Amino acid sequence: MAIYVPAGRRRRSLLLSSAAVLLVGLLAGFGLGRATAPTVDDRVRSVRTEAREIAAGLRVISLHEQAGAGDVGARLVLQRTRTQVAKAFGRAPWQPASARTALLHDVDALIAADQAKSPDFATKIDALADEITTTFGA
């Protein structure tokens, strides 16, 4: 013998079970998303590591200049440094706009000066590397 279930009750059961499955799926997705999302500390650590790498690249130029290597791609490295610094600031929204402006201005000034053969160029490069690490707290 078959038990008759009215259509209204079947529809209500289907809607309630669908809503429950949707709610469980949303909660599981939210929990998984929060568990795998990078924390603020992870982002800060990543940007600081990137700043250290940028500064290390500049210090290599400084060593070449102190050894008297002359203009061995210094301009290209400075242009790449500018791009990397701009990207680092894009990933570091906690940095004030004034710090971004000042640091990019200093990089641009070194690029425009084209002083790779001047005796104090290595000192200026070292100062820029120090400014990058100080700005990002690396």
N, C-alpha and C. Protein backbone atom coordinates (compact mmCIF):
# COMPACT_ATOMS: atom_id res chain seq x y z
N MET A 1 0.82 -1.15 0.00
CA MET A 1 0.00 0.00 0.00
C MET A 1 0.89 1.24 0.00
N ALA A 2 0.57 2.18 -0.84
CA ALA A 2 1.35 3.41 -0.98
C ALA A 2 0.78 4.48 -0.07
N ILE A 3 1.70 5.27 0.47
CA ILE A 3 1.27 6.38 1.33
C ILE A 3 1.25 7.64 0.47
N TYR A 4 0.14 8.29 0.50
CA TYR A 4 -0.01 9.50 -0.29
C TYR A 4 0.54 10.69 0.48
N VAL A 5 1.49 11.44 -0.18
CA VAL A 5 2.03 12.67 0.40
C VAL A 5 1.56 13.81 -0.49
N PRO A 6 0.86 14.75 0.10
CA PRO A 6 0.34 15.85 -0.71
C PRO A 6 1.47 16.63 -1.41
N ALA A 7 1.18 17.19 -2.56
CA ALA A 7 2.16 17.93 -3.38
C ALA A 7 2.73 19.12 -2.62
N GLY A 8 1.95 19.80 -1.83
CA GLY A 8 2.42 20.95 -1.06
C GLY A 8 3.50 20.54 -0.06
N ARG A 9 3.28 19.39 0.60
CA ARG A 9 4.25 18.93 1.59
C ARG A 9 5.55 18.49 0.89
N ARG A 10 5.43 17.81 -0.28
CA ARG A 10 6.63 17.41 -1.03
C ARG A 10 7.42 18.63 -1.47
N ARG A 11 6.73 19.65 -1.96
CA ARG A 11 7.38 20.87 -2.41
C ARG A 11 8.09 21.55 -1.24
N ARG A 12 7.44 21.63 -0.09
CA ARG A 12 8.02 22.25 1.10
C ARG A 12 9.25 21.47 1.56
N SER A 13 9.18 20.16 1.56
CA SER A 13 10.33 19.32 1.94
C SER A 13 11.50 19.53 0.98
N LEU A 14 11.20 19.60 -0.30
CA LEU A 14 12.25 19.83 -1.29
C LEU A 14 12.90 21.19 -1.10
N LEU A 15 12.12 22.23 -0.86
CA LEU A 15 12.66 23.58 -0.65
C LEU A 15 13.49 23.64 0.63
N LEU A 16 13.00 23.03 1.71
CA LEU A 16 13.75 23.04 2.97
C LEU A 16 15.07 22.28 2.85
N SER A 17 15.04 21.13 2.20
CA SER A 17 16.29 20.36 2.05
C SER A 17 17.26 21.09 1.11
N SER A 18 16.75 21.72 0.08
CA SER A 18 17.61 22.51 -0.83
C SER A 18 18.24 23.68 -0.09
N ALA A 19 17.46 24.36 0.73
CA ALA A 19 17.98 25.49 1.50
C ALA A 19 19.04 25.02 2.50
N ALA A 20 18.81 23.88 3.13
CA ALA A 20 19.79 23.35 4.09
C ALA A 20 21.10 22.98 3.39
N VAL A 21 21.00 22.34 2.22
CA VAL A 21 22.20 21.98 1.46
C VAL A 21 22.94 23.23 1.02
N LEU A 22 22.21 24.23 0.56
CA LEU A 22 22.84 25.50 0.15
C LEU A 22 23.54 26.17 1.32
N LEU A 23 22.90 26.19 2.48
CA LEU A 23 23.50 26.80 3.67
C LEU A 23 24.76 26.07 4.10
N VAL A 24 24.73 24.76 4.10
CA VAL A 24 25.91 23.97 4.47
C VAL A 24 27.04 24.23 3.47
N GLY A 25 26.70 24.29 2.18
CA GLY A 25 27.72 24.56 1.14
C GLY A 25 28.34 25.94 1.30
N LEU A 26 27.51 26.94 1.57
CA LEU A 26 28.02 28.30 1.77
C LEU A 26 28.93 28.38 2.99
N LEU A 27 28.52 27.77 4.09
CA LEU A 27 29.34 27.79 5.30
C LEU A 27 30.66 27.06 5.09
N ALA A 28 30.62 25.92 4.40
CA ALA A 28 31.85 25.17 4.13
C ALA A 28 32.77 25.98 3.21
N GLY A 29 32.21 26.61 2.19
CA GLY A 29 33.02 27.44 1.29
C GLY A 29 33.62 28.63 2.00
N PHE A 30 32.85 29.28 2.85
CA PHE A 30 33.36 30.42 3.61
C PHE A 30 34.48 29.99 4.54
N GLY A 31 34.27 28.89 5.25
CA GLY A 31 35.30 28.39 6.17
C GLY A 31 36.57 28.00 5.45
N LEU A 32 36.45 27.33 4.33
CA LEU A 32 37.62 26.93 3.55
C LEU A 32 38.33 28.16 2.98
N GLY A 33 37.57 29.12 2.52
CA GLY A 33 38.16 30.35 1.98
C GLY A 33 38.92 31.13 3.03
N ARG A 34 38.36 31.24 4.22
CA ARG A 34 39.03 31.96 5.31
C ARG A 34 40.28 31.23 5.77
N ALA A 35 40.22 29.90 5.75
CA ALA A 35 41.37 29.12 6.22
C ALA A 35 42.54 29.20 5.26
N THR A 36 42.28 29.34 3.96
CA THR A 36 43.35 29.35 2.97
C THR A 36 43.77 30.75 2.54
N ALA A 37 43.06 31.78 2.95
CA ALA A 37 43.40 33.15 2.55
C ALA A 37 44.68 33.61 3.26
N PRO A 38 45.53 34.38 2.53
CA PRO A 38 46.75 34.88 3.18
C PRO A 38 46.40 35.91 4.25
N THR A 39 47.11 35.85 5.34
CA THR A 39 46.87 36.80 6.43
C THR A 39 47.62 38.09 6.14
N VAL A 40 47.34 39.10 6.92
CA VAL A 40 48.04 40.38 6.78
C VAL A 40 49.53 40.18 7.04
N ASP A 41 49.86 39.36 8.02
CA ASP A 41 51.27 39.08 8.31
C ASP A 41 51.97 38.43 7.13
N ASP A 42 51.27 37.53 6.44
CA ASP A 42 51.85 36.90 5.25
C ASP A 42 52.13 37.93 4.17
N ARG A 43 51.20 38.85 3.97
CA ARG A 43 51.38 39.89 2.95
C ARG A 43 52.52 40.82 3.31
N VAL A 44 52.61 41.22 4.57
CA VAL A 44 53.69 42.11 5.01
C VAL A 44 55.03 41.41 4.84
N ARG A 45 55.11 40.15 5.25
CA ARG A 45 56.35 39.39 5.13
C ARG A 45 56.76 39.27 3.66
N SER A 46 55.80 39.04 2.78
CA SER A 46 56.08 38.90 1.36
C SER A 46 56.63 40.20 0.76
N VAL A 47 56.01 41.32 1.11
CA VAL A 47 56.47 42.61 0.59
C VAL A 47 57.86 42.95 1.14
N ARG A 48 58.10 42.64 2.39
CA ARG A 48 59.42 42.92 2.98
C ARG A 48 60.50 42.06 2.32
N THR A 49 60.19 40.82 2.03
CA THR A 49 61.14 39.96 1.34
C THR A 49 61.45 40.50 -0.05
N GLU A 50 60.40 40.96 -0.72
CA GLU A 50 60.58 41.54 -2.05
C GLU A 50 61.45 42.80 -1.97
N ALA A 51 61.24 43.63 -0.95
CA ALA A 51 62.05 44.84 -0.78
C ALA A 51 63.52 44.48 -0.54
N ARG A 52 63.76 43.45 0.25
CA ARG A 52 65.15 43.00 0.49
C ARG A 52 65.81 42.55 -0.82
N GLU A 53 65.04 41.85 -1.66
CA GLU A 53 65.58 41.38 -2.94
C GLU A 53 65.90 42.55 -3.86
N ILE A 54 65.03 43.56 -3.88
CA ILE A 54 65.27 44.75 -4.70
C ILE A 54 66.54 45.45 -4.23
N ALA A 55 66.66 45.63 -2.93
CA ALA A 55 67.83 46.30 -2.36
C ALA A 55 69.11 45.50 -2.64
N ALA A 56 69.02 44.18 -2.59
CA ALA A 56 70.19 43.35 -2.87
C ALA A 56 70.63 43.52 -4.32
N GLY A 57 69.68 43.62 -5.24
CA GLY A 57 70.02 43.87 -6.64
C GLY A 57 70.72 45.19 -6.82
N LEU A 58 70.27 46.21 -6.09
CA LEU A 58 70.93 47.51 -6.17
C LEU A 58 72.34 47.46 -5.59
N ARG A 59 72.50 46.71 -4.54
CA ARG A 59 73.83 46.62 -3.91
C ARG A 59 74.83 45.92 -4.84
N VAL A 60 74.34 45.03 -5.71
CA VAL A 60 75.22 44.40 -6.69
C VAL A 60 75.75 45.47 -7.66
N ILE A 61 74.88 46.38 -8.08
CA ILE A 61 75.32 47.48 -8.95
C ILE A 61 76.37 48.31 -8.22
N SER A 62 76.10 48.58 -6.97
CA SER A 62 77.03 49.38 -6.18
C SER A 62 78.40 48.74 -6.14
N LEU A 63 78.45 47.44 -5.94
CA LEU A 63 79.74 46.73 -5.91
C LEU A 63 80.46 46.82 -7.25
N HIS A 64 79.69 46.70 -8.33
CA HIS A 64 80.30 46.81 -9.66
C HIS A 64 80.85 48.21 -9.89
N GLU A 65 80.12 49.20 -9.43
CA GLU A 65 80.55 50.58 -9.62
C GLU A 65 81.78 50.88 -8.78
N GLN A 66 81.83 50.35 -7.56
CA GLN A 66 82.99 50.58 -6.72
C GLN A 66 84.23 49.89 -7.29
N ALA A 67 84.02 48.80 -8.03
CA ALA A 67 85.14 48.10 -8.64
C ALA A 67 85.59 48.76 -9.93
N GLY A 68 84.87 49.81 -10.35
CA GLY A 68 85.26 50.54 -11.55
C GLY A 68 84.74 49.91 -12.83
N ALA A 69 83.64 49.21 -12.75
CA ALA A 69 83.10 48.55 -13.93
C ALA A 69 82.42 49.53 -14.88
N GLY A 70 82.15 50.73 -14.44
CA GLY A 70 81.52 51.72 -15.30
C GLY A 70 80.03 51.47 -15.45
N ASP A 71 79.49 51.93 -16.58
CA ASP A 71 78.05 51.84 -16.82
C ASP A 71 77.71 50.47 -17.40
N VAL A 72 77.64 49.47 -16.56
CA VAL A 72 77.34 48.10 -17.00
C VAL A 72 75.86 47.83 -16.73
N GLY A 73 75.02 48.38 -17.55
CA GLY A 73 73.59 48.14 -17.43
C GLY A 73 72.94 48.76 -16.21
N ALA A 74 73.59 49.74 -15.61
CA ALA A 74 73.04 50.35 -14.39
C ALA A 74 71.68 50.98 -14.66
N ARG A 75 71.55 51.62 -15.80
CA ARG A 75 70.27 52.27 -16.12
C ARG A 75 69.15 51.23 -16.23
N LEU A 76 69.44 50.09 -16.88
CA LEU A 76 68.42 49.04 -17.02
C LEU A 76 68.02 48.49 -15.65
N VAL A 77 69.00 48.28 -14.79
CA VAL A 77 68.69 47.75 -13.46
C VAL A 77 67.87 48.77 -12.67
N LEU A 78 68.18 50.05 -12.81
CA LEU A 78 67.41 51.07 -12.11
C LEU A 78 65.98 51.14 -12.63
N GLN A 79 65.80 50.98 -13.94
CA GLN A 79 64.44 50.99 -14.49
C GLN A 79 63.66 49.77 -14.00
N ARG A 80 64.33 48.62 -13.95
CA ARG A 80 63.67 47.43 -13.41
C ARG A 80 63.35 47.62 -11.93
N THR A 81 64.27 48.27 -11.21
CA THR A 81 64.04 48.55 -9.79
C THR A 81 62.81 49.43 -9.62
N ARG A 82 62.65 50.42 -10.49
CA ARG A 82 61.48 51.31 -10.40
C ARG A 82 60.20 50.50 -10.56
N THR A 83 60.18 49.61 -11.54
CA THR A 83 59.00 48.77 -11.78
C THR A 83 58.72 47.88 -10.58
N GLN A 84 59.76 47.28 -10.02
CA GLN A 84 59.59 46.39 -8.87
C GLN A 84 59.11 47.15 -7.64
N VAL A 85 59.64 48.37 -7.44
CA VAL A 85 59.21 49.18 -6.28
C VAL A 85 57.75 49.57 -6.44
N ALA A 86 57.36 49.96 -7.66
CA ALA A 86 55.95 50.32 -7.89
C ALA A 86 55.03 49.13 -7.62
N LYS A 87 55.45 47.93 -8.04
CA LYS A 87 54.64 46.73 -7.76
C LYS A 87 54.58 46.45 -6.27
N ALA A 88 55.70 46.64 -5.59
CA ALA A 88 55.72 46.40 -4.14
C ALA A 88 54.77 47.36 -3.43
N PHE A 89 54.73 48.61 -3.86
CA PHE A 89 53.79 49.55 -3.26
C PHE A 89 52.35 49.17 -3.58
N GLY A 90 52.12 48.60 -4.76
CA GLY A 90 50.78 48.13 -5.11
C GLY A 90 50.31 47.00 -4.21
N ARG A 91 51.26 46.19 -3.73
CA ARG A 91 50.93 45.09 -2.83
C ARG A 91 50.97 45.50 -1.37
N ALA A 92 51.35 46.75 -1.09
CA ALA A 92 51.47 47.23 0.29
C ALA A 92 50.57 48.45 0.50
N PRO A 93 49.26 48.24 0.58
CA PRO A 93 48.36 49.39 0.72
C PRO A 93 48.52 50.12 2.05
N TRP A 94 49.23 49.54 3.00
CA TRP A 94 49.44 50.20 4.29
C TRP A 94 50.49 51.30 4.20
N GLN A 95 51.24 51.34 3.09
CA GLN A 95 52.25 52.37 2.93
C GLN A 95 51.57 53.67 2.49
N PRO A 96 51.96 54.81 3.08
CA PRO A 96 51.34 56.07 2.67
C PRO A 96 51.77 56.49 1.27
N ALA A 97 50.93 57.24 0.62
CA ALA A 97 51.22 57.71 -0.73
C ALA A 97 52.46 58.59 -0.76
N SER A 98 52.72 59.30 0.32
CA SER A 98 53.90 60.17 0.36
C SER A 98 55.19 59.35 0.30
N ALA A 99 55.21 58.17 0.94
CA ALA A 99 56.39 57.30 0.88
C ALA A 99 56.59 56.79 -0.53
N ARG A 100 55.51 56.42 -1.18
CA ARG A 100 55.58 55.95 -2.57
C ARG A 100 56.13 57.04 -3.47
N THR A 101 55.59 58.23 -3.34
CA THR A 101 56.02 59.35 -4.18
C THR A 101 57.50 59.66 -3.96
N ALA A 102 57.91 59.72 -2.71
CA ALA A 102 59.30 60.07 -2.40
C ALA A 102 60.27 59.02 -2.93
N LEU A 103 59.96 57.74 -2.73
CA LEU A 103 60.87 56.69 -3.15
C LEU A 103 60.96 56.61 -4.67
N LEU A 104 59.81 56.67 -5.34
CA LEU A 104 59.84 56.63 -6.80
C LEU A 104 60.53 57.86 -7.38
N HIS A 105 60.40 59.00 -6.71
CA HIS A 105 61.11 60.21 -7.15
C HIS A 105 62.62 60.01 -7.06
N ASP A 106 63.08 59.39 -5.98
CA ASP A 106 64.51 59.16 -5.81
C ASP A 106 65.04 58.18 -6.86
N VAL A 107 64.27 57.16 -7.17
CA VAL A 107 64.68 56.21 -8.22
C VAL A 107 64.73 56.93 -9.57
N ASP A 108 63.69 57.72 -9.86
CA ASP A 108 63.65 58.47 -11.12
C ASP A 108 64.82 59.44 -11.22
N ALA A 109 65.19 60.06 -10.11
CA ALA A 109 66.30 61.01 -10.12
C ALA A 109 67.61 60.29 -10.47
N LEU A 110 67.81 59.10 -9.94
CA LEU A 110 69.02 58.35 -10.28
C LEU A 110 69.02 57.89 -11.74
N ILE A 111 67.84 57.52 -12.24
CA ILE A 111 67.75 57.11 -13.64
C ILE A 111 68.06 58.30 -14.55
N ALA A 112 67.46 59.45 -14.24
CA ALA A 112 67.62 60.64 -15.08
C ALA A 112 69.03 61.22 -15.01
N ALA A 113 69.67 61.09 -13.86
CA ALA A 113 70.99 61.71 -13.68
C ALA A 113 72.03 61.07 -14.58
N ASP A 114 71.89 59.77 -14.86
CA ASP A 114 72.83 59.06 -15.71
C ASP A 114 74.27 59.30 -15.26
N GLN A 115 74.49 59.10 -13.97
CA GLN A 115 75.80 59.37 -13.38
C GLN A 115 76.56 58.08 -13.09
N ALA A 116 76.36 57.07 -13.88
CA ALA A 116 76.96 55.77 -13.58
C ALA A 116 78.48 55.83 -13.53
N LYS A 117 79.07 56.81 -14.17
CA LYS A 117 80.52 56.90 -14.17
C LYS A 117 81.05 57.88 -13.13
N SER A 118 80.16 58.52 -12.39
CA SER A 118 80.63 59.45 -11.36
C SER A 118 81.09 58.67 -10.13
N PRO A 119 82.04 59.23 -9.38
CA PRO A 119 82.61 58.50 -8.25
C PRO A 119 81.62 58.23 -7.12
N ASP A 120 80.63 59.07 -6.95
CA ASP A 120 79.70 58.87 -5.83
C ASP A 120 78.43 58.13 -6.23
N PHE A 121 78.39 57.57 -7.44
CA PHE A 121 77.20 56.85 -7.90
C PHE A 121 76.94 55.62 -7.02
N ALA A 122 77.99 54.89 -6.67
CA ALA A 122 77.82 53.71 -5.82
C ALA A 122 77.24 54.09 -4.46
N THR A 123 77.65 55.23 -3.94
CA THR A 123 77.13 55.70 -2.66
C THR A 123 75.64 56.02 -2.77
N LYS A 124 75.26 56.64 -3.88
CA LYS A 124 73.84 56.97 -4.10
C LYS A 124 73.01 55.70 -4.25
N ILE A 125 73.56 54.70 -4.92
CA ILE A 125 72.85 53.42 -5.07
C ILE A 125 72.66 52.76 -3.70
N ASP A 126 73.72 52.77 -2.89
CA ASP A 126 73.61 52.20 -1.54
C ASP A 126 72.57 52.94 -0.71
N ALA A 127 72.54 54.26 -0.84
CA ALA A 127 71.56 55.06 -0.10
C ALA A 127 70.14 54.71 -0.56
N LEU A 128 69.96 54.50 -1.87
CA LEU A 128 68.64 54.12 -2.38
C LEU A 128 68.24 52.74 -1.86
N ALA A 129 69.18 51.80 -1.83
CA ALA A 129 68.89 50.47 -1.30
C ALA A 129 68.49 50.56 0.17
N ASP A 130 69.20 51.38 0.94
CA ASP A 130 68.85 51.58 2.34
C ASP A 130 67.46 52.20 2.49
N GLU A 131 67.16 53.16 1.62
CA GLU A 131 65.84 53.81 1.67
C GLU A 131 64.72 52.81 1.37
N ILE A 132 64.96 51.91 0.44
CA ILE A 132 63.95 50.90 0.12
C ILE A 132 63.72 49.98 1.31
N THR A 133 64.80 49.50 1.92
CA THR A 133 64.62 48.60 3.07
C THR A 133 63.99 49.32 4.25
N THR A 134 64.33 50.58 4.43
CA THR A 134 63.74 51.35 5.54
C THR A 134 62.26 51.61 5.29
N THR A 135 61.91 51.97 4.07
CA THR A 135 60.52 52.29 3.75
C THR A 135 59.62 51.07 3.97
N PHE A 136 60.08 49.91 3.54
CA PHE A 136 59.26 48.71 3.67
C PHE A 136 59.51 47.96 4.97
N GLY A 137 60.41 48.46 5.80
CA GLY A 137 60.68 47.83 7.08
C GLY A 137 61.35 46.48 6.96
N ALA A 138 62.12 46.31 5.90
CA ALA A 138 62.76 45.02 5.66
C ALA A 138 64.02 44.87 6.47
